[in-house]
Amino acid sequence: MLYRIGTAPSSSPPKYPASPAPIRATGRNLKRLLHGKPPRVRAKAGAKLVNGEFAFTAPTVPQAARLVGCPAQLIHAELGHRPKPPSDVQIDRLVAKLGADRVMASLDRLTKPSLLAAE
């Protein structure tokens, strides 16, 4: 315990006790901890985060995107993550949405032989 020079130690406890070490949680842990919890519990966690009683480390990309207010795709690009190729199910949905005739016409235009390649 530190004392000012020229003062005697007192037996009374300090007026403002030292706050305990902050609780540490990663983004995934936080998501698991708060999943399904009512808004009051989430609000308490938010208050602890603001007060420094809760240390939030390694947020997930969606959490970081919401925090900084930008699309998650931009954060993925900054991190060097490559986008996943669309699955067969996603392609089937897109073809159904656009119509098979439109997709086939586009494929015909893209795969038509050019005159320069024939020479």
N, C-alpha and C. Protein backbone atom coordinates (compact mmCIF):
# COMPACT_ATOMS: atom_id res chain seq x y z
N MET A 1 0.84 -1.16 0.00
CA MET A 1 0.00 0.00 0.00
C MET A 1 0.89 1.23 0.00
N LEU A 2 0.53 2.23 -0.79
CA LEU A 2 1.31 3.45 -0.86
C LEU A 2 0.70 4.53 0.03
N TYR A 3 1.56 5.28 0.71
CA TYR A 3 1.10 6.37 1.56
C TYR A 3 1.76 7.67 1.14
N ARG A 4 1.08 8.74 1.36
CA ARG A 4 1.68 10.04 1.14
C ARG A 4 2.72 10.30 2.21
N ILE A 5 3.74 11.00 1.83
CA ILE A 5 4.79 11.30 2.79
C ILE A 5 4.22 12.19 3.89
N GLY A 6 4.49 11.83 5.12
CA GLY A 6 4.04 12.61 6.26
C GLY A 6 2.67 12.23 6.77
N THR A 7 2.06 11.17 6.22
CA THR A 7 0.75 10.75 6.73
C THR A 7 0.89 9.36 7.31
N ALA A 8 0.07 9.10 8.26
CA ALA A 8 0.08 7.79 8.92
C ALA A 8 -0.93 6.88 8.23
N PRO A 9 -0.66 5.60 8.21
CA PRO A 9 -1.62 4.68 7.61
C PRO A 9 -2.90 4.64 8.44
N SER A 10 -4.02 4.55 7.76
CA SER A 10 -5.31 4.46 8.47
C SER A 10 -5.82 3.04 8.34
N SER A 11 -6.69 2.67 9.24
CA SER A 11 -7.21 1.31 9.21
C SER A 11 -8.50 1.22 8.41
N SER A 12 -9.02 2.35 7.94
CA SER A 12 -10.27 2.30 7.18
C SER A 12 -9.99 1.83 5.74
N PRO A 13 -10.95 1.11 5.14
CA PRO A 13 -10.76 0.62 3.77
C PRO A 13 -10.78 1.80 2.79
N PRO A 14 -10.20 1.63 1.64
CA PRO A 14 -10.20 2.71 0.66
C PRO A 14 -11.62 3.05 0.22
N LYS A 15 -11.84 4.32 -0.10
CA LYS A 15 -13.18 4.77 -0.47
C LYS A 15 -13.63 4.13 -1.78
N TYR A 16 -12.73 4.02 -2.76
CA TYR A 16 -13.05 3.42 -4.05
C TYR A 16 -12.20 2.17 -4.23
N PRO A 17 -12.78 1.00 -3.96
CA PRO A 17 -11.98 -0.23 -4.11
C PRO A 17 -11.56 -0.43 -5.56
N ALA A 18 -10.42 -1.05 -5.72
CA ALA A 18 -9.91 -1.33 -7.08
C ALA A 18 -10.86 -2.29 -7.77
N SER A 19 -11.15 -2.01 -9.05
CA SER A 19 -12.05 -2.90 -9.78
C SER A 19 -11.31 -4.20 -10.09
N PRO A 20 -12.04 -5.29 -10.09
CA PRO A 20 -11.39 -6.57 -10.39
C PRO A 20 -10.91 -6.59 -11.84
N ALA A 21 -10.06 -7.55 -12.13
CA ALA A 21 -9.56 -7.69 -13.51
C ALA A 21 -10.75 -7.92 -14.44
N PRO A 22 -10.71 -7.33 -15.63
CA PRO A 22 -11.86 -7.48 -16.53
C PRO A 22 -12.04 -8.93 -16.98
N ILE A 23 -13.28 -9.29 -17.18
CA ILE A 23 -13.62 -10.60 -17.72
C ILE A 23 -13.27 -10.58 -19.19
N ARG A 24 -12.55 -11.59 -19.67
CA ARG A 24 -12.12 -11.62 -21.07
C ARG A 24 -13.00 -12.60 -21.84
N ALA A 25 -13.40 -12.19 -23.03
CA ALA A 25 -14.19 -13.08 -23.89
C ALA A 25 -13.89 -12.74 -25.34
N THR A 26 -13.83 -13.76 -26.17
CA THR A 26 -13.67 -13.55 -27.60
C THR A 26 -15.04 -13.33 -28.21
N GLY A 27 -15.06 -12.96 -29.47
CA GLY A 27 -16.34 -12.73 -30.14
C GLY A 27 -17.22 -13.96 -30.17
N ARG A 28 -16.63 -15.10 -30.41
CA ARG A 28 -17.42 -16.34 -30.45
C ARG A 28 -17.96 -16.70 -29.06
N ASN A 29 -17.12 -16.52 -28.04
CA ASN A 29 -17.59 -16.80 -26.68
C ASN A 29 -18.73 -15.87 -26.29
N LEU A 30 -18.60 -14.60 -26.65
CA LEU A 30 -19.64 -13.63 -26.33
C LEU A 30 -20.95 -14.02 -27.01
N LYS A 31 -20.86 -14.44 -28.24
CA LYS A 31 -22.06 -14.85 -28.97
C LYS A 31 -22.72 -16.04 -28.27
N ARG A 32 -21.92 -16.99 -27.82
CA ARG A 32 -22.47 -18.16 -27.12
C ARG A 32 -23.05 -17.77 -25.76
N LEU A 33 -22.35 -16.89 -25.05
CA LEU A 33 -22.82 -16.47 -23.72
C LEU A 33 -24.16 -15.75 -23.79
N LEU A 34 -24.35 -14.94 -24.82
CA LEU A 34 -25.54 -14.11 -24.90
C LEU A 34 -26.66 -14.71 -25.74
N HIS A 35 -26.40 -15.83 -26.40
CA HIS A 35 -27.42 -16.44 -27.26
C HIS A 35 -28.66 -16.80 -26.45
N GLY A 36 -29.79 -16.29 -26.87
CA GLY A 36 -31.06 -16.61 -26.23
C GLY A 36 -31.31 -15.87 -24.92
N LYS A 37 -30.42 -15.00 -24.54
CA LYS A 37 -30.59 -14.26 -23.29
C LYS A 37 -31.54 -13.08 -23.51
N PRO A 38 -32.28 -12.70 -22.47
CA PRO A 38 -33.21 -11.57 -22.60
C PRO A 38 -32.44 -10.25 -22.73
N PRO A 39 -33.12 -9.21 -23.22
CA PRO A 39 -32.47 -7.92 -23.42
C PRO A 39 -31.82 -7.35 -22.17
N ARG A 40 -32.39 -7.58 -20.99
CA ARG A 40 -31.81 -7.06 -19.74
C ARG A 40 -30.41 -7.63 -19.50
N VAL A 41 -30.25 -8.93 -19.74
CA VAL A 41 -28.95 -9.58 -19.54
C VAL A 41 -27.96 -9.03 -20.56
N ARG A 42 -28.41 -8.86 -21.80
CA ARG A 42 -27.55 -8.30 -22.83
C ARG A 42 -27.15 -6.87 -22.49
N ALA A 43 -28.09 -6.11 -21.94
CA ALA A 43 -27.81 -4.73 -21.54
C ALA A 43 -26.76 -4.69 -20.43
N LYS A 44 -26.85 -5.62 -19.48
CA LYS A 44 -25.84 -5.68 -18.40
C LYS A 44 -24.46 -5.98 -18.98
N ALA A 45 -24.42 -6.90 -19.94
CA ALA A 45 -23.14 -7.23 -20.58
C ALA A 45 -22.60 -6.01 -21.33
N GLY A 46 -23.49 -5.26 -21.99
CA GLY A 46 -23.07 -4.05 -22.70
C GLY A 46 -22.55 -3.00 -21.73
N ALA A 47 -23.21 -2.86 -20.57
CA ALA A 47 -22.76 -1.89 -19.57
C ALA A 47 -21.39 -2.28 -19.03
N LYS A 48 -21.18 -3.57 -18.79
CA LYS A 48 -19.87 -4.03 -18.31
C LYS A 48 -18.80 -3.79 -19.36
N LEU A 49 -19.16 -3.94 -20.63
CA LEU A 49 -18.22 -3.69 -21.71
C LEU A 49 -17.82 -2.21 -21.73
N VAL A 50 -18.81 -1.33 -21.58
CA VAL A 50 -18.54 0.11 -21.58
C VAL A 50 -17.72 0.52 -20.37
N ASN A 51 -18.00 -0.06 -19.21
CA ASN A 51 -17.29 0.28 -17.98
C ASN A 51 -15.90 -0.31 -17.89
N GLY A 52 -15.54 -1.19 -18.80
CA GLY A 52 -14.22 -1.79 -18.78
C GLY A 52 -14.13 -3.03 -17.90
N GLU A 53 -15.27 -3.50 -17.40
CA GLU A 53 -15.28 -4.72 -16.57
C GLU A 53 -15.26 -5.96 -17.45
N PHE A 54 -15.43 -5.77 -18.73
CA PHE A 54 -15.55 -6.87 -19.67
C PHE A 54 -14.62 -6.56 -20.84
N ALA A 55 -13.64 -7.41 -21.10
CA ALA A 55 -12.69 -7.20 -22.19
C ALA A 55 -13.12 -8.05 -23.38
N PHE A 56 -13.43 -7.40 -24.48
CA PHE A 56 -13.91 -8.06 -25.68
C PHE A 56 -12.75 -8.15 -26.67
N THR A 57 -12.27 -9.35 -26.93
CA THR A 57 -11.14 -9.54 -27.83
C THR A 57 -11.54 -10.41 -29.00
N ALA A 58 -10.87 -10.25 -30.10
CA ALA A 58 -11.06 -11.06 -31.31
C ALA A 58 -12.53 -11.17 -31.71
N PRO A 59 -13.15 -10.04 -32.08
CA PRO A 59 -14.55 -10.13 -32.52
C PRO A 59 -14.65 -10.90 -33.82
N THR A 60 -15.82 -11.46 -34.08
CA THR A 60 -16.05 -12.11 -35.36
C THR A 60 -16.18 -11.03 -36.43
N VAL A 61 -16.09 -11.40 -37.68
CA VAL A 61 -16.18 -10.42 -38.77
C VAL A 61 -17.53 -9.70 -38.75
N PRO A 62 -18.66 -10.41 -38.58
CA PRO A 62 -19.94 -9.68 -38.52
C PRO A 62 -20.01 -8.72 -37.33
N GLN A 63 -19.46 -9.11 -36.18
CA GLN A 63 -19.46 -8.22 -35.01
C GLN A 63 -18.63 -6.97 -35.30
N ALA A 64 -17.46 -7.15 -35.90
CA ALA A 64 -16.61 -6.01 -36.23
C ALA A 64 -17.30 -5.11 -37.26
N ALA A 65 -18.00 -5.70 -38.21
CA ALA A 65 -18.69 -4.93 -39.24
C ALA A 65 -19.78 -4.06 -38.62
N ARG A 66 -20.54 -4.62 -37.68
CA ARG A 66 -21.58 -3.84 -37.00
C ARG A 66 -20.96 -2.74 -36.15
N LEU A 67 -19.84 -3.04 -35.53
CA LEU A 67 -19.19 -2.07 -34.65
C LEU A 67 -18.65 -0.87 -35.42
N VAL A 68 -18.03 -1.12 -36.58
CA VAL A 68 -17.44 -0.02 -37.34
C VAL A 68 -18.36 0.51 -38.42
N GLY A 69 -19.47 -0.18 -38.67
CA GLY A 69 -20.46 0.31 -39.62
C GLY A 69 -20.06 0.17 -41.08
N CYS A 70 -19.52 -0.99 -41.43
CA CYS A 70 -19.20 -1.24 -42.84
C CYS A 70 -19.61 -2.67 -43.18
N PRO A 71 -19.75 -2.98 -44.47
CA PRO A 71 -20.12 -4.35 -44.85
C PRO A 71 -19.04 -5.36 -44.46
N ALA A 72 -19.49 -6.53 -44.06
CA ALA A 72 -18.56 -7.59 -43.66
C ALA A 72 -17.66 -8.01 -44.82
N GLN A 73 -18.16 -7.89 -46.06
CA GLN A 73 -17.36 -8.27 -47.22
C GLN A 73 -16.08 -7.43 -47.32
N LEU A 74 -16.18 -6.15 -46.95
CA LEU A 74 -14.99 -5.29 -46.99
C LEU A 74 -13.96 -5.73 -45.96
N ILE A 75 -14.42 -6.15 -44.79
CA ILE A 75 -13.50 -6.62 -43.76
C ILE A 75 -12.85 -7.92 -44.22
N HIS A 76 -13.64 -8.82 -44.80
CA HIS A 76 -13.07 -10.06 -45.34
C HIS A 76 -12.00 -9.74 -46.38
N ALA A 77 -12.27 -8.75 -47.25
CA ALA A 77 -11.29 -8.39 -48.28
C ALA A 77 -10.02 -7.83 -47.64
N GLU A 78 -10.15 -7.00 -46.61
CA GLU A 78 -8.97 -6.45 -45.92
C GLU A 78 -8.16 -7.55 -45.25
N LEU A 79 -8.84 -8.58 -44.78
CA LEU A 79 -8.15 -9.70 -44.13
C LEU A 79 -7.56 -10.68 -45.14
N GLY A 80 -7.86 -10.47 -46.41
CA GLY A 80 -7.33 -11.34 -47.45
C GLY A 80 -8.12 -12.63 -47.62
N HIS A 81 -9.34 -12.67 -47.11
CA HIS A 81 -10.18 -13.86 -47.28
C HIS A 81 -10.76 -13.87 -48.68
N ARG A 82 -10.73 -15.01 -49.32
CA ARG A 82 -11.32 -15.14 -50.65
C ARG A 82 -12.79 -15.50 -50.50
N PRO A 83 -13.64 -14.96 -51.38
CA PRO A 83 -15.06 -15.33 -51.31
C PRO A 83 -15.24 -16.79 -51.71
N LYS A 84 -16.20 -17.44 -51.09
CA LYS A 84 -16.50 -18.84 -51.42
C LYS A 84 -17.20 -18.88 -52.77
N PRO A 85 -16.88 -19.86 -53.61
CA PRO A 85 -17.64 -19.98 -54.86
C PRO A 85 -19.07 -20.41 -54.55
N PRO A 86 -20.02 -20.00 -55.38
CA PRO A 86 -21.41 -20.37 -55.10
C PRO A 86 -21.59 -21.88 -55.19
N SER A 87 -22.47 -22.40 -54.35
CA SER A 87 -22.75 -23.84 -54.36
C SER A 87 -23.70 -24.15 -55.51
N ASP A 88 -23.84 -25.44 -55.80
CA ASP A 88 -24.75 -25.86 -56.87
C ASP A 88 -26.19 -25.45 -56.55
N VAL A 89 -26.56 -25.52 -55.30
CA VAL A 89 -27.92 -25.12 -54.90
C VAL A 89 -28.13 -23.63 -55.17
N GLN A 90 -27.13 -22.80 -54.85
CA GLN A 90 -27.25 -21.37 -55.10
C GLN A 90 -27.34 -21.08 -56.60
N ILE A 91 -26.57 -21.79 -57.39
CA ILE A 91 -26.63 -21.60 -58.85
C ILE A 91 -27.99 -22.02 -59.38
N ASP A 92 -28.52 -23.15 -58.89
CA ASP A 92 -29.84 -23.61 -59.32
C ASP A 92 -30.91 -22.56 -58.97
N ARG A 93 -30.81 -21.96 -57.81
CA ARG A 93 -31.79 -20.92 -57.42
C ARG A 93 -31.68 -19.71 -58.33
N LEU A 94 -30.45 -19.33 -58.67
CA LEU A 94 -30.25 -18.18 -59.55
C LEU A 94 -30.80 -18.45 -60.95
N VAL A 95 -30.56 -19.65 -61.47
CA VAL A 95 -31.09 -20.02 -62.79
C VAL A 95 -32.61 -20.03 -62.76
N ALA A 96 -33.20 -20.56 -61.69
CA ALA A 96 -34.66 -20.58 -61.57
C ALA A 96 -35.21 -19.16 -61.49
N LYS A 97 -34.49 -18.28 -60.81
CA LYS A 97 -34.94 -16.89 -60.66
C LYS A 97 -34.86 -16.15 -62.00
N LEU A 98 -33.75 -16.33 -62.73
CA LEU A 98 -33.55 -15.62 -63.99
C LEU A 98 -34.27 -16.28 -65.16
N GLY A 99 -34.48 -17.56 -65.08
CA GLY A 99 -35.09 -18.29 -66.18
C GLY A 99 -34.02 -18.99 -67.00
N ALA A 100 -34.29 -20.25 -67.34
CA ALA A 100 -33.31 -21.06 -68.05
C ALA A 100 -33.00 -20.48 -69.43
N ASP A 101 -34.01 -19.91 -70.11
CA ASP A 101 -33.78 -19.35 -71.45
C ASP A 101 -32.79 -18.19 -71.41
N ARG A 102 -32.94 -17.32 -70.43
CA ARG A 102 -32.01 -16.18 -70.30
C ARG A 102 -30.59 -16.65 -70.01
N VAL A 103 -30.48 -17.65 -69.14
CA VAL A 103 -29.16 -18.16 -68.78
C VAL A 103 -28.50 -18.82 -69.99
N MET A 104 -29.28 -19.60 -70.74
CA MET A 104 -28.72 -20.27 -71.93
C MET A 104 -28.32 -19.24 -72.99
N ALA A 105 -29.12 -18.19 -73.16
CA ALA A 105 -28.77 -17.14 -74.13
C ALA A 105 -27.47 -16.45 -73.71
N SER A 106 -27.30 -16.22 -72.42
CA SER A 106 -26.07 -15.61 -71.93
C SER A 106 -24.88 -16.53 -72.17
N LEU A 107 -25.06 -17.82 -71.89
CA LEU A 107 -23.97 -18.79 -72.14
C LEU A 107 -23.62 -18.85 -73.62
N ASP A 108 -24.63 -18.78 -74.48
CA ASP A 108 -24.37 -18.79 -75.93
C ASP A 108 -23.54 -17.57 -76.32
N ARG A 109 -23.88 -16.39 -75.78
CA ARG A 109 -23.12 -15.19 -76.09
C ARG A 109 -21.69 -15.29 -75.59
N LEU A 110 -21.51 -15.83 -74.40
CA LEU A 110 -20.17 -15.92 -73.81
C LEU A 110 -19.29 -16.96 -74.48
N THR A 111 -19.89 -18.02 -75.01
CA THR A 111 -19.10 -19.11 -75.58
C THR A 111 -19.08 -19.10 -77.10
N LYS A 112 -19.68 -18.09 -77.73
CA LYS A 112 -19.70 -18.02 -79.21
C LYS A 112 -18.27 -17.79 -79.69
N PRO A 113 -17.86 -18.53 -80.70
CA PRO A 113 -16.50 -18.35 -81.21
C PRO A 113 -16.34 -16.96 -81.83
N SER A 114 -15.20 -16.37 -81.58
CA SER A 114 -14.94 -15.05 -82.15
C SER A 114 -14.25 -15.19 -83.50
N LEU A 115 -14.39 -14.20 -84.31
CA LEU A 115 -13.74 -14.24 -85.65
C LEU A 115 -12.23 -14.16 -85.54
N LEU A 116 -11.72 -13.44 -84.56
CA LEU A 116 -10.28 -13.33 -84.40
C LEU A 116 -9.62 -14.64 -84.01
N ALA A 117 -10.32 -15.47 -83.24
CA ALA A 117 -9.76 -16.73 -82.80
C ALA A 117 -9.70 -17.73 -83.97
N ALA A 118 -10.58 -17.58 -84.97
CA ALA A 118 -10.61 -18.50 -86.08
C ALA A 118 -9.48 -18.25 -87.07
N GLU A 119 -8.94 -17.05 -87.11
CA GLU A 119 -7.88 -16.73 -88.06
C GLU A 119 -6.55 -17.27 -87.69
